[in-house]
Amino acid sequence: MSLENRALVQEAIDEIFNRKKTWLVDVIYAPGCHGHSPHGSFKTRNAIRFLADVYAKAFPDYRIHIQQMIAENDLVAVHYNFEGTNTGTFADLPPTGHRLNVPAIAMSRIANGQIVEQYFMWDNLAAQRQMQVAWPMAA
């Protein structure tokens, strides 16, 4: 089961996020999927699609680069880097033109061949600093 769950999460990253095929959300995510990101909680797969669209508009060239993936039973953990150039509006901020490389993790729970629960954590402060909308760290 763990190998199938790992493949499902890999497909979500490759197809929905990296290839921007957001219509596959309806295949890969369960209708009542829920979870949390630094942007807040979500309770439907429409929220996943919305999140993917927001990032695609703000960072059209973004890619998720998987660093590590661990699968056990119904859980899949992914350590990844988000990399992209901010050429669109993001969180009411005008485009900065800055390139981001932000470390992140995601924890997914799979049931009946679909993602039913997902939690994202990323370094929001690093992203803000790279976009130059937060104070840099003192040297």
Foldseek 3Di string as FASTA:
>chain_A
DQVLLQVLVVCCQVPCQQVVPLVCLPVAADQQAWEAEPVGIDGGSVVVSVVSVLCCQQFVNKHKAWPDWDTDDQKIKTKIWIWGFGCCDHPNRGGQRFIDTKIKMKMFGDDPNHTRYMYIYIDPVSVCVRSPNDDDDDD
